[in-house]
Every structure is written in structure tokens, then in C-alpha cells.
PDB file of N, CA and C in Angstrom:
ATOM      1  N   MET A   1     -38.742 -32.993 -35.404  1.00  0.00           N
ATOM      2  CA  MET A   1     -38.766 -31.523 -35.774  1.00  0.00           C
ATOM      3  C   MET A   1     -36.744 -31.733 -36.022  1.00  0.00           C
ATOM      4  N   SER A   2     -36.996 -30.772 -37.085  1.00  0.00           N
ATOM      5  CA  SER A   2     -35.263 -30.258 -37.258  1.00  0.00           C
ATOM      6  C   SER A   2     -34.807 -29.317 -36.710  1.00  0.00           C
ATOM      7  N   ASP A   3     -33.547 -29.380 -36.504  1.00  0.00           N
ATOM      8  CA  ASP A   3     -32.740 -28.779 -35.587  1.00  0.00           C
ATOM      9  C   ASP A   3     -31.916 -27.609 -36.720  1.00  0.00           C
ATOM     10  N   TYR A   4     -32.268 -27.443 -37.678  1.00  0.00           N
ATOM     11  CA  TYR A   4     -32.186 -26.535 -38.971  1.00  0.00           C
ATOM     12  C   TYR A   4     -33.299 -25.681 -39.560  1.00  0.00           C
ATOM     13  N   LEU A   5     -33.286 -24.799 -39.984  1.00  0.00           N
ATOM     14  CA  LEU A   5     -34.307 -23.867 -40.672  1.00  0.00           C
ATOM     15  C   LEU A   5     -34.569 -24.361 -42.307  1.00  0.00           C
ATOM     16  N   CYS A   6     -35.476 -24.252 -42.629  1.00  0.00           N
ATOM     17  CA  CYS A   6     -36.019 -24.903 -44.075  1.00  0.00           C
ATOM     18  C   CYS A   6     -36.451 -23.978 -44.421  1.00  0.00           C
ATOM     19  N   ASP A   7     -36.293 -24.093 -45.768  1.00  0.00           N
ATOM     20  CA  ASP A   7     -37.219 -23.432 -46.702  1.00  0.00           C
ATOM     21  C   ASP A   7     -37.668 -21.624 -46.480  1.00  0.00           C
ATOM     22  N   ASP A   8     -38.306 -21.275 -46.231  1.00  0.00           N
ATOM     23  CA  ASP A   8     -38.768 -19.385 -45.663  1.00  0.00           C
ATOM     24  C   ASP A   8     -39.007 -19.953 -44.064  1.00  0.00           C
ATOM     25  N   GLU A   9     -37.795 -20.380 -43.458  1.00  0.00           N
ATOM     26  CA  GLU A   9     -38.616 -20.385 -41.722  1.00  0.00           C
ATOM     27  C   GLU A   9     -37.518 -18.940 -41.288  1.00  0.00           C
ATOM     28  N   SER A  10     -36.465 -18.823 -41.777  1.00  0.00           N
ATOM     29  CA  SER A  10     -36.205 -17.908 -41.482  1.00  0.00           C
ATOM     30  C   SER A  10     -36.622 -16.673 -41.671  1.00  0.00           C
ATOM     31  N   GLU A  11     -37.563 -16.256 -42.403  1.00  0.00           N
ATOM     32  CA  GLU A  11     -38.638 -15.359 -42.431  1.00  0.00           C
ATOM     33  C   GLU A  11     -39.497 -14.604 -41.437  1.00  0.00           C
ATOM     34  N   GLU A  12     -39.587 -16.130 -40.919  1.00  0.00           N
ATOM     35  CA  GLU A  12     -39.945 -15.384 -39.501  1.00  0.00           C
ATOM     36  C   GLU A  12     -39.891 -15.184 -38.137  1.00  0.00           C
ATOM     37  N   PHE A  13     -38.484 -14.827 -38.489  1.00  0.00           N
ATOM     38  CA  PHE A  13     -37.335 -13.708 -37.536  1.00  0.00           C
ATOM     39  C   PHE A  13     -37.173 -12.697 -37.757  1.00  0.00           C
ATOM     40  N   VAL A  14     -37.217 -11.699 -36.877  1.00  0.00           N
ATOM     41  CA  VAL A  14     -37.299 -10.311 -36.915  1.00  0.00           C
ATOM     42  C   VAL A  14     -35.930  -9.679 -36.243  1.00  0.00           C
ATOM     43  N   PHE A  15     -35.096  -9.280 -37.156  1.00  0.00           N
ATOM     44  CA  PHE A  15     -33.964  -8.525 -36.641  1.00  0.00           C
ATOM     45  C   PHE A  15     -33.429  -6.747 -36.132  1.00  0.00           C
ATOM     46  N   PHE A  16     -32.638  -6.980 -35.206  1.00  0.00           N
ATOM     47  CA  PHE A  16     -32.384  -5.530 -34.858  1.00  0.00           C
ATOM     48  C   PHE A  16     -30.875  -5.035 -35.471  1.00  0.00           C
ATOM     49  N   LYS A  17     -30.381  -4.161 -35.946  1.00  0.00           N
ATOM     50  CA  LYS A  17     -29.144  -3.517 -36.639  1.00  0.00           C
ATOM     51  C   LYS A  17     -28.830  -2.708 -35.754  1.00  0.00           C
ATOM     52  N   ILE A  18     -27.598  -3.091 -35.454  1.00  0.00           N
ATOM     53  CA  ILE A  18     -26.598  -2.099 -34.495  1.00  0.00           C
ATOM     54  C   ILE A  18     -25.595  -1.683 -35.333  1.00  0.00           C
ATOM     55  N   PRO A  19     -25.116  -0.187 -35.499  1.00  0.00           N
ATOM     56  CA  PRO A  19     -24.268   0.455 -36.647  1.00  0.00           C
ATOM     57  C   PRO A  19     -22.990  -0.770 -35.978  1.00  0.00           C
ATOM     58  N   ARG A  20     -22.333  -1.147 -36.863  1.00  0.00           N
ATOM     59  CA  ARG A  20     -20.592  -1.846 -37.053  1.00  0.00           C
ATOM     60  C   ARG A  20     -19.915  -0.675 -35.593  1.00  0.00           C
ATOM     61  N   GLN A  21     -20.138   0.214 -35.936  1.00  0.00           N
ATOM     62  CA  GLN A  21     -19.049   1.596 -35.298  1.00  0.00           C
ATOM     63  C   GLN A  21     -19.523   1.600 -33.691  1.00  0.00           C
ATOM     64  N   LEU A  22     -20.618   0.770 -33.446  1.00  0.00           N
ATOM     65  CA  LEU A  22     -21.191   0.626 -31.832  1.00  0.00           C
ATOM     66  C   LEU A  22     -19.888  -0.135 -31.487  1.00  0.00           C
ATOM     67  N   ILE A  23     -20.279  -1.219 -32.449  1.00  0.00           N
ATOM     68  CA  ILE A  23     -19.028  -2.525 -31.879  1.00  0.00           C
ATOM     69  C   ILE A  23     -17.698  -2.256 -32.105  1.00  0.00           C
ATOM     70  N   ALA A  24     -17.258  -2.049 -32.939  1.00  0.00           N
ATOM     71  CA  ALA A  24     -15.862  -1.629 -33.359  1.00  0.00           C
ATOM     72  C   ALA A  24     -14.780  -0.572 -32.833  1.00  0.00           C
ATOM     73  N   ALA A  25     -15.676   0.516 -33.101  1.00  0.00           N
ATOM     74  CA  ALA A  25     -15.048   1.758 -32.681  1.00  0.00           C
ATOM     75  C   ALA A  25     -14.547   2.120 -31.526  1.00  0.00           C
ATOM     76  N   PRO A  26     -13.148   1.925 -30.749  1.00  0.00           N
ATOM     77  CA  PRO A  26     -12.592   2.764 -29.640  1.00  0.00           C
ATOM     78  C   PRO A  26     -13.738   3.816 -28.631  1.00  0.00           C
ATOM     79  N   LYS A  27     -14.036   4.646 -29.072  1.00  0.00           N
ATOM     80  CA  LYS A  27     -14.624   5.835 -28.853  1.00  0.00           C
ATOM     81  C   LYS A  27     -16.026   5.378 -28.267  1.00  0.00           C
ATOM     82  N   PHE A  28     -16.596   4.180 -28.389  1.00  0.00           N
ATOM     83  CA  PHE A  28     -18.209   3.376 -28.297  1.00  0.00           C
ATOM     84  C   PHE A  28     -17.689   1.726 -27.008  1.00  0.00           C
ATOM     85  N   LYS A  29     -16.514   1.443 -26.621  1.00  0.00           N
ATOM     86  CA  LYS A  29     -16.249   0.631 -25.769  1.00  0.00           C
ATOM     87  C   LYS A  29     -16.425   0.626 -24.716  1.00  0.00           C
ATOM     88  N   HIS A  30     -16.634   2.079 -24.085  1.00  0.00           N
ATOM     89  CA  HIS A  30     -17.475   2.139 -22.830  1.00  0.00           C
ATOM     90  C   HIS A  30     -18.783   2.273 -22.602  1.00  0.00           C
ATOM     91  N   VAL A  31     -19.588   1.821 -23.745  1.00  0.00           N
ATOM     92  CA  VAL A  31     -20.945   2.495 -23.798  1.00  0.00           C
ATOM     93  C   VAL A  31     -21.336   0.354 -23.693  1.00  0.00           C
ATOM     94  N   SER A  32     -22.445   0.692 -22.683  1.00  0.00           N
ATOM     95  CA  SER A  32     -23.019  -1.115 -21.767  1.00  0.00           C
ATOM     96  C   SER A  32     -22.985  -1.786 -23.388  1.00  0.00           C
ATOM     97  N   LYS A  33     -23.300  -2.777 -23.401  1.00  0.00           N
ATOM     98  CA  LYS A  33     -24.272  -3.375 -23.909  1.00  0.00           C
ATOM     99  C   LYS A  33     -25.507  -3.569 -23.994  1.00  0.00           C
ATOM    100  N   ASP A  34     -26.069  -3.408 -22.961  1.00  0.00           N
ATOM    101  CA  ASP A  34     -27.600  -3.357 -23.334  1.00  0.00           C
ATOM    102  C   ASP A  34     -27.884  -1.654 -23.704  1.00  0.00           C
ATOM    103  N   ALA A  35     -26.815  -0.330 -23.533  1.00  0.00           N
ATOM    104  CA  ALA A  35     -27.197   1.006 -24.234  1.00  0.00           C
ATOM    105  C   ALA A  35     -27.545   0.616 -25.791  1.00  0.00           C
ATOM    106  N   LYS A  36     -26.049  -1.002 -26.205  1.00  0.00           N
ATOM    107  CA  LYS A  36     -26.071  -0.593 -27.581  1.00  0.00           C
ATOM    108  C   LYS A  36     -27.659  -1.137 -28.239  1.00  0.00           C
ATOM    109  N   LEU A  37     -27.696  -2.357 -27.345  1.00  0.00           N
ATOM    110  CA  LEU A  37     -28.607  -3.121 -27.972  1.00  0.00           C
ATOM    111  C   LEU A  37     -30.382  -2.086 -28.035  1.00  0.00           C
ATOM    112  N   LEU A  38     -30.157  -1.463 -26.786  1.00  0.00           N
ATOM    113  CA  LEU A  38     -31.238  -0.613 -26.882  1.00  0.00           C
ATOM    114  C   LEU A  38     -31.292   0.780 -28.136  1.00  0.00           C
ATOM    115  N   TYR A  39     -30.014   1.103 -28.336  1.00  0.00           N
ATOM    116  CA  TYR A  39     -29.974   1.915 -29.723  1.00  0.00           C
ATOM    117  C   TYR A  39     -30.484   1.348 -30.906  1.00  0.00           C
ATOM    118  N   GLY A  40     -30.122  -0.199 -31.173  1.00  0.00           N
ATOM    119  CA  GLY A  40     -30.711  -0.686 -32.556  1.00  0.00           C
ATOM    120  C   GLY A  40     -32.088  -0.948 -31.810  1.00  0.00           C
ATOM    121  N   MET A  41     -32.967  -0.906 -31.073  1.00  0.00           N
ATOM    122  CA  MET A  41     -34.289  -0.970 -30.878  1.00  0.00           C
ATOM    123  C   MET A  41     -34.559   0.139 -31.378  1.00  0.00           C
ATOM    124  N   LEU A  42     -34.211   1.172 -30.582  1.00  0.00           N
ATOM    125  CA  LEU A  42     -34.489   2.518 -31.272  1.00  0.00           C
ATOM    126  C   LEU A  42     -34.336   2.806 -32.579  1.00  0.00           C
ATOM    127  N   LEU A  43     -33.546   2.462 -33.458  1.00  0.00           N
ATOM    128  CA  LEU A  43     -33.406   2.860 -34.347  1.00  0.00           C
ATOM    129  C   LEU A  43     -34.230   1.935 -35.257  1.00  0.00           C
ATOM    130  N   ASP A  44     -35.186   0.986 -34.828  1.00  0.00           N
ATOM    131  CA  ASP A  44     -35.753  -0.139 -35.887  1.00  0.00           C
ATOM    132  C   ASP A  44     -37.641   0.426 -35.272  1.00  0.00           C
ATOM    133  N   HIS A  45     -37.468   1.238 -34.342  1.00  0.00           N
ATOM    134  CA  HIS A  45     -38.996   2.151 -33.832  1.00  0.00           C
ATOM    135  C   HIS A  45     -38.894   3.616 -34.679  1.00  0.00           C
ATOM    136  N   MET A  46     -37.553   4.047 -35.081  1.00  0.00           N
ATOM    137  CA  MET A  46     -37.436   5.149 -35.437  1.00  0.00           C
ATOM    138  C   MET A  46     -38.144   4.547 -37.318  1.00  0.00           C
ATOM    139  N   SER A  47     -37.590   3.613 -37.782  1.00  0.00           N
ATOM    140  CA  SER A  47     -38.047   3.200 -39.130  1.00  0.00           C
ATOM    141  C   SER A  47     -39.164   3.291 -38.862  1.00  0.00           C
ATOM    142  N   LEU A  48     -40.510   2.500 -37.920  1.00  0.00           N
ATOM    143  CA  LEU A  48     -41.636   2.267 -38.120  1.00  0.00           C
ATOM    144  C   LEU A  48     -42.153   3.569 -38.072  1.00  0.00           C
ATOM    145  N   SER A  49     -41.826   4.607 -37.124  1.00  0.00           N
ATOM    146  CA  SER A  49     -42.380   5.847 -36.746  1.00  0.00           C
ATOM    147  C   SER A  49     -41.950   6.698 -38.323  1.00  0.00           C
ATOM    148  N   ALA A  50     -40.911   6.402 -38.930  1.00  0.00           N
ATOM    149  CA  ALA A  50     -40.403   6.857 -40.653  1.00  0.00           C
ATOM    150  C   ALA A  50     -41.533   6.446 -41.446  1.00  0.00           C
ATOM    151  N   ARG A  51     -41.648   5.263 -41.292  1.00  0.00           N
ATOM    152  CA  ARG A  51     -42.841   4.714 -42.382  1.00  0.00           C
ATOM    153  C   ARG A  51     -44.151   5.253 -42.352  1.00  0.00           C
ATOM    154  N   ASN A  52     -44.570   5.596 -40.904  1.00  0.00           N
ATOM    155  CA  ASN A  52     -46.038   6.111 -41.082  1.00  0.00           C
ATOM    156  C   ASN A  52     -46.074   7.608 -40.606  1.00  0.00           C
ATOM    157  N   SER A  53     -44.607   8.188 -41.525  1.00  0.00           N
ATOM    158  CA  SER A  53     -44.697   9.672 -41.744  1.00  0.00           C
ATOM    159  C   SER A  53     -44.851  10.845 -40.054  1.00  0.00           C
ATOM    160  N   ARG A  54     -43.884   9.734 -38.808  1.00  0.00           N
ATOM    161  CA  ARG A  54     -44.279  10.514 -37.851  1.00  0.00           C
ATOM    162  C   ARG A  54     -43.259  11.736 -37.491  1.00  0.00           C
ATOM    163  N   TYR A  55     -43.392  12.695 -38.160  1.00  0.00           N
ATOM    164  CA  TYR A  55     -42.311  13.227 -38.293  1.00  0.00           C
ATOM    165  C   TYR A  55     -42.743  14.857 -37.716  1.00  0.00           C
ATOM    166  N   ASN A  56     -41.505  15.845 -36.965  1.00  0.00           N
ATOM    167  CA  ASN A  56     -42.357  16.829 -36.272  1.00  0.00           C
ATOM    168  C   ASN A  56     -41.932  18.033 -37.446  1.00  0.00           C
ATOM    169  N   ASP A  57     -41.961  19.550 -37.300  1.00  0.00           N
ATOM    170  CA  ASP A  57     -41.725  20.412 -38.602  1.00  0.00           C
ATOM    171  C   ASP A  57     -40.135  20.674 -38.822  1.00  0.00           C
ATOM    172  N   ALA A  58     -39.759  19.965 -37.910  1.00  0.00           N
ATOM    173  CA  ALA A  58     -37.760  20.297 -38.702  1.00  0.00           C
ATOM    174  C   ALA A  58     -37.782  18.839 -38.981  1.00  0.00           C
ATOM    175  N   ARG A  59     -39.267  18.087 -39.349  1.00  0.00           N
ATOM    176  CA  ARG A  59     -38.779  16.874 -40.432  1.00  0.00           C
ATOM    177  C   ARG A  59     -37.382  16.237 -39.457  1.00  0.00           C
ATOM    178  N   ARG A  60     -38.111  16.157 -38.559  1.00  0.00           N
ATOM    179  CA  ARG A  60     -37.757  14.809 -37.093  1.00  0.00           C
ATOM    180  C   ARG A  60     -38.098  14.086 -37.016  1.00  0.00           C
ATOM    181  N   VAL A  61     -38.012  12.425 -37.235  1.00  0.00           N
ATOM    182  CA  VAL A  61     -38.581  11.316 -36.918  1.00  0.00           C
ATOM    183  C   VAL A  61     -39.443  11.611 -35.335  1.00  0.00           C
ATOM    184  N   TYR A  62     -40.915  11.069 -34.822  1.00  0.00           N
ATOM    185  CA  TYR A  62     -40.943  10.936 -33.754  1.00  0.00           C
ATOM    186  C   TYR A  62     -40.651   9.798 -33.362  1.00  0.00           C
ATOM    187  N   ILE A  63     -39.882   9.638 -31.972  1.00  0.00           N
ATOM    188  CA  ILE A  63     -40.047   7.650 -31.948  1.00  0.00           C
ATOM    189  C   ILE A  63     -41.051   7.012 -30.484  1.00  0.00           C
ATOM    190  N   TYR A  64     -41.751   6.520 -31.130  1.00  0.00           N
ATOM    191  CA  TYR A  64     -42.839   6.156 -30.126  1.00  0.00           C
ATOM    192  C   TYR A  64     -43.073   4.657 -29.489  1.00  0.00           C
ATOM    193  N   TYR A  65     -41.688   5.043 -28.115  1.00  0.00           N
ATOM    194  CA  TYR A  65     -41.445   3.493 -27.689  1.00  0.00           C
ATOM    195  C   TYR A  65     -41.103   4.195 -26.071  1.00  0.00           C
ATOM    196  N   SER A  66     -42.608   3.443 -25.499  1.00  0.00           N
ATOM    197  CA  SER A  66     -42.214   4.267 -23.498  1.00  0.00           C
ATOM    198  C   SER A  66     -41.332   2.893 -22.930  1.00  0.00           C
ATOM    199  N   VAL A  67     -41.073   4.558 -21.474  1.00  0.00           N
ATOM    200  CA  VAL A  67     -40.134   3.641 -21.059  1.00  0.00           C
ATOM    201  C   VAL A  67     -40.658   2.295 -20.589  1.00  0.00           C
ATOM    202  N   ASP A  68     -41.752   1.561 -20.192  1.00  0.00           N
ATOM    203  CA  ASP A  68     -42.368   0.205 -20.158  1.00  0.00           C
ATOM    204  C   ASP A  68     -42.533  -0.036 -21.124  1.00  0.00           C
ATOM    205  N   GLU A  69     -42.614   0.136 -22.075  1.00  0.00           N
ATOM    206  CA  GLU A  69     -41.815  -1.301 -23.386  1.00  0.00           C
ATOM    207  C   GLU A  69     -40.433  -1.636 -23.202  1.00  0.00           C
ATOM    208  N   ILE A  70     -39.709  -0.531 -23.404  1.00  0.00           N
ATOM    209  CA  ILE A  70     -38.161  -0.832 -23.408  1.00  0.00           C
ATOM    210  C   ILE A  70     -38.017  -1.843 -21.774  1.00  0.00           C
ATOM    211  N   CYS A  71     -38.638  -1.672 -20.998  1.00  0.00           N
ATOM    212  CA  CYS A  71     -38.306  -2.276 -19.590  1.00  0.00           C
ATOM    213  C   CYS A  71     -38.702  -3.506 -19.950  1.00  0.00           C
ATOM    214  N   GLY A  72     -39.987  -3.228 -20.554  1.00  0.00           N
ATOM    215  CA  GLY A  72     -40.605  -5.074 -21.327  1.00  0.00           C
ATOM    216  C   GLY A  72     -39.596  -5.540 -22.116  1.00  0.00           C
ATOM    217  N   ASP A  73     -39.170  -4.974 -22.793  1.00  0.00           N
ATOM    218  CA  ASP A  73     -38.476  -5.746 -23.933  1.00  0.00           C
ATOM    219  C   ASP A  73     -36.548  -6.116 -23.613  1.00  0.00           C
ATOM    220  N   ILE A  74     -36.491  -5.826 -23.034  1.00  0.00           N
ATOM    221  CA  ILE A  74     -34.722  -5.967 -22.387  1.00  0.00           C
ATOM    222  C   ILE A  74     -34.961  -6.287 -21.049  1.00  0.00           C
ATOM    223  N   THR A  75     -35.973  -6.828 -20.461  1.00  0.00           N
ATOM    224  CA  THR A  75     -36.249  -7.370 -18.939  1.00  0.00           C
ATOM    225  C   THR A  75     -35.477  -6.701 -17.926  1.00  0.00           C
ATOM    226  N   CYS A  76     -35.525  -5.405 -17.524  1.00  0.00           N
ATOM    227  CA  CYS A  76     -34.960  -4.625 -16.760  1.00  0.00           C
ATOM    228  C   CYS A  76     -36.145  -3.655 -16.038  1.00  0.00           C
ATOM    229  N   GLY A  77     -35.581  -3.050 -14.923  1.00  0.00           N
ATOM    230  CA  GLY A  77     -36.367  -2.010 -13.871  1.00  0.00           C
ATOM    231  C   GLY A  77     -36.273  -0.408 -14.386  1.00  0.00           C
ATOM    232  N   LEU A  78     -37.644   0.269 -14.126  1.00  0.00           N
ATOM    233  CA  LEU A  78     -37.508   1.423 -14.866  1.00  0.00           C
ATOM    234  C   LEU A  78     -36.161   2.306 -14.522  1.00  0.00           C
ATOM    235  N   ASP A  79     -35.416   2.022 -13.701  1.00  0.00           N
ATOM    236  CA  ASP A  79     -34.681   2.873 -13.045  1.00  0.00           C
ATOM    237  C   ASP A  79     -33.129   2.641 -14.238  1.00  0.00           C
ATOM    238  N   LYS A  80     -33.026   1.545 -14.306  1.00  0.00           N
ATOM    239  CA  LYS A  80     -32.018   1.120 -15.482  1.00  0.00           C
ATOM    240  C   LYS A  80     -32.786   1.603 -16.965  1.00  0.00           C
ATOM    241  N   ALA A  81     -34.002   1.060 -17.111  1.00  0.00           N
ATOM    242  CA  ALA A  81     -33.950   1.859 -18.601  1.00  0.00           C
ATOM    243  C   ALA A  81     -33.891   3.738 -18.325  1.00  0.00           C
ATOM    244  N   VAL A  82     -34.477   3.728 -17.686  1.00  0.00           N
ATOM    245  CA  VAL A  82     -33.985   5.361 -17.800  1.00  0.00           C
ATOM    246  C   VAL A  82     -32.415   5.582 -18.064  1.00  0.00           C
ATOM    247  N   LYS A  83     -31.534   5.180 -16.473  1.00  0.00           N
ATOM    248  CA  LYS A  83     -30.551   5.460 -17.115  1.00  0.00           C
ATOM    249  C   LYS A  83     -29.598   4.824 -18.333  1.00  0.00           C
ATOM    250  N   LEU A  84     -30.178   4.165 -19.004  1.00  0.00           N
ATOM    251  CA  LEU A  84     -29.752   3.682 -20.417  1.00  0.00           C
ATOM    252  C   LEU A  84     -30.288   4.669 -21.300  1.00  0.00           C
ATOM    253  N   LEU A  85     -31.482   5.382 -21.683  1.00  0.00           N
ATOM    254  CA  LEU A  85     -31.508   6.461 -22.543  1.00  0.00           C
ATOM    255  C   LEU A  85     -30.813   7.980 -21.885  1.00  0.00           C
ATOM    256  N   ALA A  86     -30.492   7.993 -20.426  1.00  0.00           N
ATOM    257  CA  ALA A  86     -29.890   9.250 -20.184  1.00  0.00           C
ATOM    258  C   ALA A  86     -28.544   9.371 -20.569  1.00  0.00           C
ATOM    259  N   ALA A  87     -27.981   7.924 -20.645  1.00  0.00           N
ATOM    260  CA  ALA A  87     -26.135   7.815 -20.957  1.00  0.00           C
ATOM    261  C   ALA A  87     -26.026   8.785 -21.595  1.00  0.00           C
ATOM    262  N   PRO A  88     -24.784   9.518 -21.297  1.00  0.00           N
ATOM    263  CA  PRO A  88     -23.886   9.917 -22.581  1.00  0.00           C
ATOM    264  C   PRO A  88     -23.450   9.218 -23.663  1.00  0.00           C
ATOM    265  N   GLY A  89     -24.037   9.261 -24.774  1.00  0.00           N
ATOM    266  CA  GLY A  89     -22.989   8.392 -26.098  1.00  0.00           C
ATOM    267  C   GLY A  89     -23.882   7.622 -25.934  1.00  0.00           C
ATOM    268  N   SER A  90     -25.225   6.738 -25.328  1.00  0.00           N
ATOM    269  CA  SER A  90     -25.515   5.652 -25.504  1.00  0.00           C
ATOM    270  C   SER A  90     -26.403   5.465 -26.718  1.00  0.00           C
ATOM    271  N   CYS A  91     -27.130   6.896 -26.741  1.00  0.00           N
ATOM    272  CA  CYS A  91     -28.619   6.871 -27.968  1.00  0.00           C
ATOM    273  C   CYS A  91     -28.012   7.500 -29.165  1.00  0.00           C
ATOM    274  N   TYR A  92     -26.503   8.149 -29.077  1.00  0.00           N
ATOM    275  CA  TYR A  92     -26.454   8.807 -30.484  1.00  0.00           C
ATOM    276  C   TYR A  92     -25.046   8.232 -30.622  1.00  0.00           C
ATOM    277  N   LEU A  93     -24.901   8.690 -32.109  1.00  0.00           N
ATOM    278  CA  LEU A  93     -23.531   8.638 -33.261  1.00  0.00           C
ATOM    279  C   LEU A  93     -23.444   9.597 -33.430  1.00  0.00           C
ATOM    280  N   ARG A  94     -21.653  10.083 -32.990  1.00  0.00           N
ATOM    281  CA  ARG A  94     -21.392  11.370 -33.326  1.00  0.00           C
ATOM    282  C   ARG A  94     -20.000  10.991 -34.286  1.00  0.00           C
TER     283      ARG A  94
END
């Protein structure tokens, strides 16, 4: 087995996009790495919801991503997942 990706093997990977501003901007330095990762995961779920036309009357996208799913995806407990979702500045770019 090779240590390198060949041909279309790289297509097997799915990536989360995290806005560069969350990493580089001084105003987001206080935001935890877990919160930044969760933000990228929420963006991913938002684009899935948009593709499935999950909008409310104000044309805002509904994100279907349960706290239990978040706990499993980032390997954390319920308390931490809730704190990450509630943390000021952790889920919103301003």
C-alpha cells in the first residue's frame, strides 16, 4: 500500500471550510479551536440545508444538526456542545 494518494483517491475525502477570518483576525483569537471547527461544520450543514431548500419565511436557512450529532462528531459531552453553541462569537461572524 502506498503512502501517497494516487489518481482520484483525493476525491474520497470531504473537507470542512473554515473562514480564514476566524483563524487570522485578532478579534477571533479568543474563540476556541473547537468552536471554530463547529462553525465550519455548521456551515457545511447550512449548505446542505440550502441545497434541500430548507428555508423559513424570511428566507433564512434551517440547519438540522442535533446536539447529539455534534457530540458524536467532535467527540465531546452534552455540556460542552451546548456551551460551544451558546458561546458569544463562536458561531457568528460579525
